[in-house]
Amino acid sequence: MYEPVKIDRRVVTVDTPPTERQMDVLIFAHQFFLENGQLPPGTRTSQHFGWKSPRSAQSHFSGLARRGYLEKNVCDNWKFTEKALVALT
């Protein structure tokens, strides 16, 4: 008989630390920002990490936002939070 798969859904809050991959994405985004004055587009991030879809980058950015490391500015673009800047120093 078919058994449904149980998915472990963790609650992610601003107190949840980023995953290792999310920290890699944050470091890449910071380096890109230092060189270009803006955060990288999803396509550039996906190319850097070898992902096939820019959606993968957006998922990581969203995860970082849920953890309090990124937020949207008034133009709906991602920006670093104070928490991210402290973590990157």
N, C-alpha and C. Protein backbone atom coordinates (compact mmCIF):
# COMPACT_ATOMS: atom_id res chain seq x y z
N MET A 1 0.83 -1.18 0.00
CA MET A 1 0.00 0.00 0.00
C MET A 1 0.89 1.25 0.00
N TYR A 2 0.41 2.31 -0.60
CA TYR A 2 1.15 3.56 -0.73
C TYR A 2 1.19 4.29 0.60
N GLU A 3 2.38 4.68 1.03
CA GLU A 3 2.56 5.47 2.24
C GLU A 3 2.96 6.89 1.84
N PRO A 4 2.28 7.90 2.31
CA PRO A 4 2.68 9.26 1.97
C PRO A 4 4.05 9.58 2.57
N VAL A 5 4.80 10.36 1.85
CA VAL A 5 6.12 10.77 2.32
C VAL A 5 5.96 11.93 3.29
N LYS A 6 6.58 11.80 4.45
CA LYS A 6 6.52 12.87 5.44
C LYS A 6 7.71 13.80 5.21
N ILE A 7 7.42 15.05 5.07
CA ILE A 7 8.46 16.04 4.83
C ILE A 7 8.73 16.79 6.12
N ASP A 8 10.00 16.86 6.49
CA ASP A 8 10.39 17.59 7.67
C ASP A 8 10.49 19.07 7.31
N ARG A 9 9.54 19.86 7.72
CA ARG A 9 9.53 21.29 7.43
C ARG A 9 10.02 22.04 8.65
N ARG A 10 11.25 22.51 8.55
CA ARG A 10 11.82 23.27 9.65
C ARG A 10 11.28 24.70 9.62
N VAL A 11 11.12 25.24 10.78
CA VAL A 11 10.71 26.63 10.88
C VAL A 11 11.98 27.47 10.81
N VAL A 12 12.03 28.35 9.82
CA VAL A 12 13.19 29.21 9.63
C VAL A 12 12.85 30.61 10.11
N THR A 13 13.67 31.11 11.01
CA THR A 13 13.46 32.46 11.54
C THR A 13 14.76 33.25 11.40
N VAL A 14 14.73 34.49 11.82
CA VAL A 14 15.92 35.31 11.76
C VAL A 14 17.01 34.79 12.68
N ASP A 15 16.68 33.91 13.61
CA ASP A 15 17.68 33.32 14.50
C ASP A 15 18.31 32.06 13.92
N THR A 16 17.76 31.56 12.81
CA THR A 16 18.30 30.36 12.18
C THR A 16 19.54 30.74 11.38
N PRO A 17 20.68 30.09 11.65
CA PRO A 17 21.89 30.43 10.89
C PRO A 17 21.76 30.00 9.43
N PRO A 18 22.48 30.66 8.53
CA PRO A 18 22.41 30.26 7.12
C PRO A 18 23.09 28.91 6.92
N THR A 19 22.64 28.21 5.89
CA THR A 19 23.30 26.96 5.52
C THR A 19 24.67 27.29 4.94
N GLU A 20 25.49 26.29 4.78
CA GLU A 20 26.82 26.51 4.21
C GLU A 20 26.72 27.09 2.80
N ARG A 21 25.79 26.57 2.00
CA ARG A 21 25.61 27.06 0.63
C ARG A 21 25.10 28.50 0.64
N GLN A 22 24.17 28.81 1.54
CA GLN A 22 23.67 30.18 1.62
C GLN A 22 24.78 31.14 2.02
N MET A 23 25.67 30.70 2.89
CA MET A 23 26.80 31.55 3.26
C MET A 23 27.72 31.76 2.06
N ASP A 24 27.91 30.72 1.24
CA ASP A 24 28.69 30.86 0.01
C ASP A 24 28.05 31.89 -0.93
N VAL A 25 26.72 31.83 -1.03
CA VAL A 25 26.00 32.78 -1.88
C VAL A 25 26.14 34.20 -1.32
N LEU A 26 26.04 34.34 -0.02
CA LEU A 26 26.18 35.65 0.61
C LEU A 26 27.58 36.23 0.37
N ILE A 27 28.60 35.41 0.50
CA ILE A 27 29.97 35.87 0.27
C ILE A 27 30.16 36.26 -1.19
N PHE A 28 29.64 35.44 -2.12
CA PHE A 28 29.73 35.76 -3.54
C PHE A 28 29.02 37.09 -3.83
N ALA A 29 27.82 37.25 -3.27
CA ALA A 29 27.05 38.48 -3.51
C ALA A 29 27.79 39.69 -2.96
N HIS A 30 28.43 39.55 -1.83
CA HIS A 30 29.17 40.66 -1.24
C HIS A 30 30.37 41.02 -2.11
N GLN A 31 31.11 40.02 -2.58
CA GLN A 31 32.25 40.28 -3.44
C GLN A 31 31.81 40.96 -4.74
N PHE A 32 30.71 40.48 -5.30
CA PHE A 32 30.16 41.07 -6.52
C PHE A 32 29.78 42.53 -6.26
N PHE A 33 29.17 42.78 -5.10
CA PHE A 33 28.77 44.13 -4.73
C PHE A 33 29.98 45.05 -4.61
N LEU A 34 31.04 44.57 -4.00
CA LEU A 34 32.25 45.38 -3.85
C LEU A 34 32.86 45.75 -5.20
N GLU A 35 32.74 44.84 -6.17
CA GLU A 35 33.31 45.08 -7.49
C GLU A 35 32.39 45.87 -8.42
N ASN A 36 31.07 45.76 -8.22
CA ASN A 36 30.11 46.32 -9.18
C ASN A 36 29.11 47.31 -8.61
N GLY A 37 29.07 47.48 -7.29
CA GLY A 37 28.16 48.44 -6.68
C GLY A 37 26.71 48.00 -6.62
N GLN A 38 26.45 46.74 -6.90
CA GLN A 38 25.09 46.20 -6.79
C GLN A 38 25.19 44.70 -6.57
N LEU A 39 24.11 44.11 -6.07
CA LEU A 39 24.10 42.67 -5.89
C LEU A 39 23.96 41.99 -7.25
N PRO A 40 24.46 40.77 -7.36
CA PRO A 40 24.42 40.09 -8.65
C PRO A 40 23.00 39.69 -9.05
N PRO A 41 22.72 39.72 -10.35
CA PRO A 41 21.43 39.18 -10.79
C PRO A 41 21.42 37.66 -10.62
N GLY A 42 20.23 37.11 -10.59
CA GLY A 42 20.09 35.66 -10.41
C GLY A 42 20.84 34.86 -11.46
N THR A 43 20.85 35.36 -12.70
CA THR A 43 21.54 34.61 -13.76
C THR A 43 23.03 34.55 -13.49
N ARG A 44 23.63 35.64 -13.02
CA ARG A 44 25.07 35.66 -12.73
C ARG A 44 25.40 34.73 -11.56
N THR A 45 24.55 34.75 -10.54
CA THR A 45 24.76 33.88 -9.39
C THR A 45 24.64 32.42 -9.79
N SER A 46 23.65 32.10 -10.60
CA SER A 46 23.46 30.73 -11.06
C SER A 46 24.65 30.27 -11.91
N GLN A 47 25.14 31.13 -12.77
CA GLN A 47 26.31 30.78 -13.57
C GLN A 47 27.52 30.52 -12.68
N HIS A 48 27.72 31.36 -11.68
CA HIS A 48 28.87 31.21 -10.80
C HIS A 48 28.86 29.86 -10.08
N PHE A 49 27.68 29.44 -9.62
CA PHE A 49 27.57 28.19 -8.86
C PHE A 49 27.27 26.98 -9.74
N GLY A 50 27.08 27.19 -11.04
CA GLY A 50 26.82 26.07 -11.95
C GLY A 50 25.39 25.55 -11.90
N TRP A 51 24.46 26.39 -11.46
CA TRP A 51 23.06 26.00 -11.43
C TRP A 51 22.44 26.26 -12.79
N LYS A 52 21.45 25.47 -13.15
CA LYS A 52 20.83 25.61 -14.47
C LYS A 52 19.79 26.72 -14.53
N SER A 53 19.23 27.08 -13.39
CA SER A 53 18.13 28.05 -13.38
C SER A 53 18.43 29.22 -12.45
N PRO A 54 18.11 30.44 -12.89
CA PRO A 54 18.25 31.59 -11.99
C PRO A 54 17.32 31.49 -10.77
N ARG A 55 16.30 30.66 -10.88
CA ARG A 55 15.38 30.46 -9.76
C ARG A 55 16.10 29.88 -8.55
N SER A 56 17.15 29.10 -8.78
CA SER A 56 17.93 28.56 -7.67
C SER A 56 18.57 29.68 -6.87
N ALA A 57 19.09 30.67 -7.57
CA ALA A 57 19.69 31.82 -6.88
C ALA A 57 18.62 32.57 -6.09
N GLN A 58 17.45 32.77 -6.70
CA GLN A 58 16.37 33.48 -6.01
C GLN A 58 15.95 32.72 -4.76
N SER A 59 15.95 31.40 -4.82
CA SER A 59 15.60 30.60 -3.64
C SER A 59 16.60 30.82 -2.51
N HIS A 60 17.88 30.88 -2.87
CA HIS A 60 18.90 31.13 -1.86
C HIS A 60 18.78 32.55 -1.30
N PHE A 61 18.51 33.52 -2.17
CA PHE A 61 18.32 34.89 -1.69
C PHE A 61 17.12 34.96 -0.75
N SER A 62 16.04 34.27 -1.09
CA SER A 62 14.85 34.26 -0.24
C SER A 62 15.16 33.61 1.11
N GLY A 63 15.93 32.54 1.08
CA GLY A 63 16.33 31.88 2.33
C GLY A 63 17.16 32.80 3.20
N LEU A 64 18.06 33.56 2.58
CA LEU A 64 18.86 34.53 3.33
C LEU A 64 17.99 35.65 3.88
N ALA A 65 16.96 36.02 3.15
CA ALA A 65 16.03 37.05 3.64
C ALA A 65 15.25 36.53 4.85
N ARG A 66 14.79 35.29 4.80
CA ARG A 66 14.06 34.71 5.94
C ARG A 66 14.94 34.65 7.18
N ARG A 67 16.24 34.52 6.98
CA ARG A 67 17.19 34.45 8.09
C ARG A 67 17.68 35.84 8.52
N GLY A 68 17.24 36.88 7.80
CA GLY A 68 17.57 38.24 8.20
C GLY A 68 18.85 38.80 7.61
N TYR A 69 19.39 38.19 6.55
CA TYR A 69 20.63 38.65 5.95
C TYR A 69 20.42 39.54 4.72
N LEU A 70 19.29 39.42 4.08
CA LEU A 70 18.94 40.26 2.93
C LEU A 70 17.53 40.80 3.14
N GLU A 71 17.25 41.92 2.49
CA GLU A 71 15.89 42.46 2.48
C GLU A 71 15.71 43.22 1.17
N LYS A 72 14.48 43.52 0.84
CA LYS A 72 14.18 44.28 -0.38
C LYS A 72 14.21 45.77 -0.07
N ASN A 73 14.74 46.55 -1.01
CA ASN A 73 14.70 48.00 -0.85
C ASN A 73 13.43 48.55 -1.50
N VAL A 74 13.31 49.87 -1.56
CA VAL A 74 12.08 50.48 -2.10
C VAL A 74 11.90 50.19 -3.59
N CYS A 75 12.97 49.86 -4.29
CA CYS A 75 12.89 49.52 -5.72
C CYS A 75 12.70 48.02 -5.94
N ASP A 76 12.45 47.27 -4.86
CA ASP A 76 12.22 45.82 -4.90
C ASP A 76 13.49 45.05 -5.30
N ASN A 77 14.64 45.63 -5.00
CA ASN A 77 15.91 44.95 -5.21
C ASN A 77 16.46 44.48 -3.87
N TRP A 78 17.25 43.40 -3.89
CA TRP A 78 17.84 42.90 -2.67
C TRP A 78 18.92 43.85 -2.16
N LYS A 79 19.02 43.95 -0.83
CA LYS A 79 20.11 44.69 -0.21
C LYS A 79 20.53 43.95 1.05
N PHE A 80 21.77 44.18 1.48
CA PHE A 80 22.28 43.56 2.69
C PHE A 80 21.68 44.22 3.92
N THR A 81 21.48 43.44 4.95
CA THR A 81 21.06 43.99 6.24
C THR A 81 22.31 44.20 7.10
N GLU A 82 22.14 44.87 8.21
CA GLU A 82 23.25 45.05 9.15
C GLU A 82 23.78 43.69 9.60
N LYS A 83 22.87 42.76 9.81
CA LYS A 83 23.26 41.42 10.25
C LYS A 83 24.21 40.78 9.23
N ALA A 84 23.94 40.96 7.94
CA ALA A 84 24.79 40.40 6.90
C ALA A 84 26.15 41.07 6.90
N LEU A 85 26.17 42.38 7.05
CA LEU A 85 27.44 43.11 7.03
C LEU A 85 28.32 42.72 8.21
N VAL A 86 27.70 42.47 9.36
CA VAL A 86 28.45 42.01 10.52
C VAL A 86 29.01 40.61 10.27
N ALA A 87 28.20 39.74 9.68
CA ALA A 87 28.63 38.36 9.40
C ALA A 87 29.75 38.31 8.37
N LEU A 88 29.79 39.28 7.48
CA LEU A 88 30.79 39.29 6.40
C LEU A 88 32.11 39.94 6.81
N THR A 89 32.14 40.54 7.99
CA THR A 89 33.39 41.19 8.42
C THR A 89 34.19 40.32 9.35
